[in-house]
Amino acid sequence: MPSEAINIGPRERTKRRLMGIVALAAGVGLAFVFVVTGAPRLLRLIIFFPIWIAGLGLMQSREKT
């Protein structure tokens, strides 16, 4: 019988959700600025990191791990 491993409480889930939302907003903002200013494609790879952090924070919040 599978059991869920819940190892963070409501307060930590809220912190991770907030971190995910802030990182997502930063990633979208950076993407917008880079596209509008015509930044080189290689520089646009920087967007990966805030989007990655956003994904981690939101997934951890949702899965309670």
PDB file of N, CA and C in Angstrom:
ATOM      1  N   MET A   1       0.836  -1.167   0.000  1.00  0.00           N
ATOM      2  CA  MET A   1       0.000   0.000   0.000  1.00  0.00           C
ATOM      3  C   MET A   1       0.893   1.247   0.000  1.00  0.00           C
ATOM      4  N   PRO A   2       0.810   2.098  -1.043  1.00  0.00           N
ATOM      5  CA  PRO A   2       1.662   3.293  -1.075  1.00  0.00           C
ATOM      6  C   PRO A   2       1.204   4.333  -0.069  1.00  0.00           C
ATOM      7  N   SER A   3       2.165   4.952   0.543  1.00  0.00           N
ATOM      8  CA  SER A   3       1.843   6.023   1.482  1.00  0.00           C
ATOM      9  C   SER A   3       2.533   7.303   1.031  1.00  0.00           C
ATOM     10  N   GLU A   4       1.896   8.413   1.256  1.00  0.00           N
ATOM     11  CA  GLU A   4       2.468   9.689   0.880  1.00  0.00           C
ATOM     12  C   GLU A   4       3.492  10.122   1.912  1.00  0.00           C
ATOM     13  N   ALA A   5       4.589  10.639   1.429  1.00  0.00           N
ATOM     14  CA  ALA A   5       5.621  11.168   2.309  1.00  0.00           C
ATOM     15  C   ALA A   5       5.445  12.678   2.394  1.00  0.00           C
ATOM     16  N   ILE A   6       4.762  13.121   3.412  1.00  0.00           N
ATOM     17  CA  ILE A   6       4.552  14.552   3.611  1.00  0.00           C
ATOM     18  C   ILE A   6       5.536  15.000   4.679  1.00  0.00           C
ATOM     19  N   ASN A   7       6.504  15.807   4.245  1.00  0.00           N
ATOM     20  CA  ASN A   7       7.533  16.189   5.208  1.00  0.00           C
ATOM     21  C   ASN A   7       7.674  17.696   5.379  1.00  0.00           C
ATOM     22  N   ILE A   8       6.731  18.488   4.869  1.00  0.00           N
ATOM     23  CA  ILE A   8       6.750  19.923   5.156  1.00  0.00           C
ATOM     24  C   ILE A   8       5.358  20.352   5.611  1.00  0.00           C
ATOM     25  N   GLY A   9       5.362  21.292   6.500  1.00  0.00           N
ATOM     26  CA  GLY A   9       4.096  21.770   7.041  1.00  0.00           C
ATOM     27  C   GLY A   9       3.498  22.881   6.195  1.00  0.00           C
ATOM     28  N   PRO A  10       2.358  23.378   6.615  1.00  0.00           N
ATOM     29  CA  PRO A  10       1.668  24.423   5.854  1.00  0.00           C
ATOM     30  C   PRO A  10       2.494  25.701   5.700  1.00  0.00           C
ATOM     31  N   ARG A  11       3.240  26.045   6.710  1.00  0.00           N
ATOM     32  CA  ARG A  11       4.045  27.266   6.654  1.00  0.00           C
ATOM     33  C   ARG A  11       5.141  27.151   5.593  1.00  0.00           C
ATOM     34  N   GLU A  12       5.818  26.017   5.549  1.00  0.00           N
ATOM     35  CA  GLU A  12       6.877  25.802   4.561  1.00  0.00           C
ATOM     36  C   GLU A  12       6.293  25.697   3.151  1.00  0.00           C
ATOM     37  N   ARG A  13       5.129  25.096   3.010  1.00  0.00           N
ATOM     38  CA  ARG A  13       4.476  25.032   1.693  1.00  0.00           C
ATOM     39  C   ARG A  13       4.154  26.434   1.188  1.00  0.00           C
ATOM     40  N   THR A  14       3.700  27.290   2.086  1.00  0.00           N
ATOM     41  CA  THR A  14       3.400  28.670   1.709  1.00  0.00           C
ATOM     42  C   THR A  14       4.665  29.394   1.267  1.00  0.00           C
ATOM     43  N   LYS A  15       5.780  29.179   1.981  1.00  0.00           N
ATOM     44  CA  LYS A  15       7.039  29.808   1.601  1.00  0.00           C
ATOM     45  C   LYS A  15       7.503  29.328   0.232  1.00  0.00           C
ATOM     46  N   ARG A  16       7.383  28.043  -0.026  1.00  0.00           N
ATOM     47  CA  ARG A  16       7.827  27.501  -1.314  1.00  0.00           C
ATOM     48  C   ARG A  16       6.910  27.958  -2.446  1.00  0.00           C
ATOM     49  N   ARG A  17       5.624  28.057  -2.185  1.00  0.00           N
ATOM     50  CA  ARG A  17       4.694  28.556  -3.199  1.00  0.00           C
ATOM     51  C   ARG A  17       5.019  30.006  -3.535  1.00  0.00           C
ATOM     52  N   LEU A  18       5.284  30.819  -2.514  1.00  0.00           N
ATOM     53  CA  LEU A  18       5.633  32.216  -2.730  1.00  0.00           C
ATOM     54  C   LEU A  18       6.946  32.326  -3.511  1.00  0.00           C
ATOM     55  N   MET A  19       7.937  31.511  -3.157  1.00  0.00           N
ATOM     56  CA  MET A  19       9.203  31.508  -3.880  1.00  0.00           C
ATOM     57  C   MET A  19       8.969  31.146  -5.345  1.00  0.00           C
ATOM     58  N   GLY A  20       8.110  30.168  -5.593  1.00  0.00           N
ATOM     59  CA  GLY A  20       7.812  29.761  -6.957  1.00  0.00           C
ATOM     60  C   GLY A  20       7.139  30.860  -7.750  1.00  0.00           C
ATOM     61  N   ILE A  21       6.211  31.548  -7.137  1.00  0.00           N
ATOM     62  CA  ILE A  21       5.488  32.622  -7.823  1.00  0.00           C
ATOM     63  C   ILE A  21       6.422  33.792  -8.119  1.00  0.00           C
ATOM     64  N   VAL A  22       7.274  34.142  -7.160  1.00  0.00           N
ATOM     65  CA  VAL A  22       8.227  35.245  -7.367  1.00  0.00           C
ATOM     66  C   VAL A  22       9.227  34.883  -8.458  1.00  0.00           C
ATOM     67  N   ALA A  23       9.739  33.655  -8.437  1.00  0.00           N
ATOM     68  CA  ALA A  23      10.696  33.231  -9.456  1.00  0.00           C
ATOM     69  C   ALA A  23      10.036  33.172 -10.829  1.00  0.00           C
ATOM     70  N   LEU A  24       8.794  32.751 -10.894  1.00  0.00           N
ATOM     71  CA  LEU A  24       8.073  32.726 -12.161  1.00  0.00           C
ATOM     72  C   LEU A  24       7.881  34.140 -12.702  1.00  0.00           C
ATOM     73  N   ALA A  25       7.518  35.060 -11.835  1.00  0.00           N
ATOM     74  CA  ALA A  25       7.357  36.447 -12.258  1.00  0.00           C
ATOM     75  C   ALA A  25       8.685  37.026 -12.742  1.00  0.00           C
ATOM     76  N   ALA A  26       9.772  36.702 -12.040  1.00  0.00           N
ATOM     77  CA  ALA A  26      11.094  37.180 -12.462  1.00  0.00           C
ATOM     78  C   ALA A  26      11.476  36.598 -13.811  1.00  0.00           C
ATOM     79  N   GLY A  27      11.204  35.317 -14.020  1.00  0.00           N
ATOM     80  CA  GLY A  27      11.523  34.679 -15.297  1.00  0.00           C
ATOM     81  C   GLY A  27      10.727  35.274 -16.446  1.00  0.00           C
ATOM     82  N   VAL A  28       9.445  35.491 -16.232  1.00  0.00           N
ATOM     83  CA  VAL A  28       8.601  36.076 -17.275  1.00  0.00           C
ATOM     84  C   VAL A  28       9.035  37.522 -17.543  1.00  0.00           C
ATOM     85  N   GLY A  29       9.362  38.252 -16.490  1.00  0.00           N
ATOM     86  CA  GLY A  29       9.836  39.631 -16.660  1.00  0.00           C
ATOM     87  C   GLY A  29      11.145  39.688 -17.434  1.00  0.00           C
ATOM     88  N   LEU A  30      12.080  38.805 -17.080  1.00  0.00           N
ATOM     89  CA  LEU A  30      13.343  38.744 -17.821  1.00  0.00           C
ATOM     90  C   LEU A  30      13.113  38.383 -19.283  1.00  0.00           C
ATOM     91  N   ALA A  31      12.252  37.410 -19.515  1.00  0.00           N
ATOM     92  CA  ALA A  31      11.960  37.006 -20.892  1.00  0.00           C
ATOM     93  C   ALA A  31      11.398  38.176 -21.678  1.00  0.00           C
ATOM     94  N   PHE A  32      10.493  38.912 -21.090  1.00  0.00           N
ATOM     95  CA  PHE A  32       9.901  40.070 -21.759  1.00  0.00           C
ATOM     96  C   PHE A  32      10.969  41.107 -22.092  1.00  0.00           C
ATOM     97  N   VAL A  33      11.803  41.422 -21.108  1.00  0.00           N
ATOM     98  CA  VAL A  33      12.856  42.421 -21.323  1.00  0.00           C
ATOM     99  C   VAL A  33      13.827  41.959 -22.405  1.00  0.00           C
ATOM    100  N   PHE A  34      14.234  40.689 -22.364  1.00  0.00           N
ATOM    101  CA  PHE A  34      15.184  40.183 -23.355  1.00  0.00           C
ATOM    102  C   PHE A  34      14.603  40.198 -24.763  1.00  0.00           C
ATOM    103  N   VAL A  35      13.339  39.874 -24.892  1.00  0.00           N
ATOM    104  CA  VAL A  35      12.717  39.864 -26.221  1.00  0.00           C
ATOM    105  C   VAL A  35      12.543  41.293 -26.735  1.00  0.00           C
ATOM    106  N   VAL A  36      12.084  42.191 -25.877  1.00  0.00           N
ATOM    107  CA  VAL A  36      11.848  43.574 -26.295  1.00  0.00           C
ATOM    108  C   VAL A  36      13.161  44.265 -26.687  1.00  0.00           C
ATOM    109  N   THR A  37      14.226  43.994 -25.929  1.00  0.00           N
ATOM    110  CA  THR A  37      15.508  44.651 -26.215  1.00  0.00           C
ATOM    111  C   THR A  37      16.290  43.940 -27.310  1.00  0.00           C
ATOM    112  N   GLY A  38      15.836  42.777 -27.741  1.00  0.00           N
ATOM    113  CA  GLY A  38      16.539  42.049 -28.795  1.00  0.00           C
ATOM    114  C   GLY A  38      17.847  41.436 -28.317  1.00  0.00           C
ATOM    115  N   ALA A  39      17.853  40.932 -27.089  1.00  0.00           N
ATOM    116  CA  ALA A  39      19.055  40.321 -26.526  1.00  0.00           C
ATOM    117  C   ALA A  39      19.440  39.072 -27.328  1.00  0.00           C
ATOM    118  N   PRO A  40      20.734  38.773 -27.395  1.00  0.00           N
ATOM    119  CA  PRO A  40      21.161  37.571 -28.120  1.00  0.00           C
ATOM    120  C   PRO A  40      20.569  36.301 -27.497  1.00  0.00           C
ATOM    121  N   ARG A  41      20.412  35.288 -28.327  1.00  0.00           N
ATOM    122  CA  ARG A  41      19.795  34.042 -27.844  1.00  0.00           C
ATOM    123  C   ARG A  41      20.576  33.411 -26.704  1.00  0.00           C
ATOM    124  N   LEU A  42      21.882  33.483 -26.752  1.00  0.00           N
ATOM    125  CA  LEU A  42      22.692  32.878 -25.693  1.00  0.00           C
ATOM    126  C   LEU A  42      22.412  33.542 -24.345  1.00  0.00           C
ATOM    127  N   LEU A  43      22.223  34.841 -24.347  1.00  0.00           N
ATOM    128  CA  LEU A  43      21.910  35.563 -23.115  1.00  0.00           C
ATOM    129  C   LEU A  43      20.530  35.171 -22.588  1.00  0.00           C
ATOM    130  N   ARG A  44      19.630  34.824 -23.489  1.00  0.00           N
ATOM    131  CA  ARG A  44      18.270  34.438 -23.089  1.00  0.00           C
ATOM    132  C   ARG A  44      18.242  33.131 -22.304  1.00  0.00           C
ATOM    133  N   LEU A  45      19.320  32.360 -22.341  1.00  0.00           N
ATOM    134  CA  LEU A  45      19.378  31.116 -21.562  1.00  0.00           C
ATOM    135  C   LEU A  45      19.317  31.378 -20.061  1.00  0.00           C
ATOM    136  N   ILE A  46      19.622  32.590 -19.665  1.00  0.00           N
ATOM    137  CA  ILE A  46      19.561  32.959 -18.243  1.00  0.00           C
ATOM    138  C   ILE A  46      18.150  32.746 -17.701  1.00  0.00           C
ATOM    139  N   ILE A  47      17.155  32.845 -18.553  1.00  0.00           N
ATOM    140  CA  ILE A  47      15.753  32.687 -18.142  1.00  0.00           C
ATOM    141  C   ILE A  47      15.500  31.293 -17.566  1.00  0.00           C
ATOM    142  N   PHE A  48      16.304  30.323 -17.966  1.00  0.00           N
ATOM    143  CA  PHE A  48      16.122  28.946 -17.504  1.00  0.00           C
ATOM    144  C   PHE A  48      16.133  28.856 -15.978  1.00  0.00           C
ATOM    145  N   PHE A  49      17.042  29.567 -15.328  1.00  0.00           N
ATOM    146  CA  PHE A  49      17.226  29.402 -13.883  1.00  0.00           C
ATOM    147  C   PHE A  49      16.032  29.870 -13.053  1.00  0.00           C
ATOM    148  N   PRO A  50      15.491  31.066 -13.274  1.00  0.00           N
ATOM    149  CA  PRO A  50      14.306  31.421 -12.464  1.00  0.00           C
ATOM    150  C   PRO A  50      13.091  30.547 -12.777  1.00  0.00           C
ATOM    151  N   ILE A  51      12.949  30.126 -14.036  1.00  0.00           N
ATOM    152  CA  ILE A  51      11.820  29.256 -14.376  1.00  0.00           C
ATOM    153  C   ILE A  51      11.997  27.888 -13.715  1.00  0.00           C
ATOM    154  N   TRP A  52      13.213  27.399 -13.673  1.00  0.00           N
ATOM    155  CA  TRP A  52      13.507  26.114 -13.021  1.00  0.00           C
ATOM    156  C   TRP A  52      13.202  26.191 -11.520  1.00  0.00           C
ATOM    157  N   ILE A  53      13.654  27.272 -10.892  1.00  0.00           N
ATOM    158  CA  ILE A  53      13.397  27.456  -9.461  1.00  0.00           C
ATOM    159  C   ILE A  53      11.894  27.578  -9.208  1.00  0.00           C
ATOM    160  N   ALA A  54      11.190  28.256 -10.102  1.00  0.00           N
ATOM    161  CA  ALA A  54       9.731  28.387  -9.963  1.00  0.00           C
ATOM    162  C   ALA A  54       9.069  27.018 -10.036  1.00  0.00           C
ATOM    163  N   GLY A  55       9.493  26.216 -10.986  1.00  0.00           N
ATOM    164  CA  GLY A  55       8.928  24.871 -11.118  1.00  0.00           C
ATOM    165  C   GLY A  55       9.170  24.035  -9.875  1.00  0.00           C
ATOM    166  N   LEU A  56      10.389  24.095  -9.361  1.00  0.00           N
ATOM    167  CA  LEU A  56      10.697  23.332  -8.145  1.00  0.00           C
ATOM    168  C   LEU A  56       9.849  23.790  -6.966  1.00  0.00           C
ATOM    169  N   GLY A  57       9.781  25.083  -6.754  1.00  0.00           N
ATOM    170  CA  GLY A  57       9.015  25.609  -5.620  1.00  0.00           C
ATOM    171  C   GLY A  57       7.540  25.267  -5.709  1.00  0.00           C
ATOM    172  N   LEU A  58       6.954  25.424  -6.883  1.00  0.00           N
ATOM    173  CA  LEU A  58       5.529  25.144  -7.031  1.00  0.00           C
ATOM    174  C   LEU A  58       5.234  23.649  -6.942  1.00  0.00           C
ATOM    175  N   MET A  59       6.100  22.818  -7.510  1.00  0.00           N
ATOM    176  CA  MET A  59       5.884  21.366  -7.409  1.00  0.00           C
ATOM    177  C   MET A  59       6.033  20.888  -5.968  1.00  0.00           C
ATOM    178  N   GLN A  60       7.052  21.384  -5.268  1.00  0.00           N
ATOM    179  CA  GLN A  60       7.243  20.971  -3.889  1.00  0.00           C
ATOM    180  C   GLN A  60       6.078  21.419  -3.015  1.00  0.00           C
ATOM    181  N   SER A  61       5.554  22.588  -3.287  1.00  0.00           N
ATOM    182  CA  SER A  61       4.400  23.063  -2.539  1.00  0.00           C
ATOM    183  C   SER A  61       3.186  22.183  -2.789  1.00  0.00           C
ATOM    184  N   ARG A  62       2.969  21.835  -4.040  1.00  0.00           N
ATOM    185  CA  ARG A  62       1.794  21.023  -4.399  1.00  0.00           C
ATOM    186  C   ARG A  62       1.907  19.593  -3.859  1.00  0.00           C
ATOM    187  N   GLU A  63       3.105  19.014  -3.960  1.00  0.00           N
ATOM    188  CA  GLU A  63       3.295  17.620  -3.548  1.00  0.00           C
ATOM    189  C   GLU A  63       3.588  17.471  -2.051  1.00  0.00           C
ATOM    190  N   LYS A  64       3.798  18.578  -1.365  1.00  0.00           N
ATOM    191  CA  LYS A  64       4.055  18.586   0.089  1.00  0.00           C
ATOM    192  C   LYS A  64       5.327  17.831   0.452  1.00  0.00           C
ATOM    193  N   THR A  65       6.348  17.972  -0.381  1.00  0.00           N
ATOM    194  CA  THR A  65       7.630  17.312  -0.080  1.00  0.00           C
ATOM    195  C   THR A  65       8.749  18.308   0.011  1.00  0.00           C
TER     196      THR A  65
END
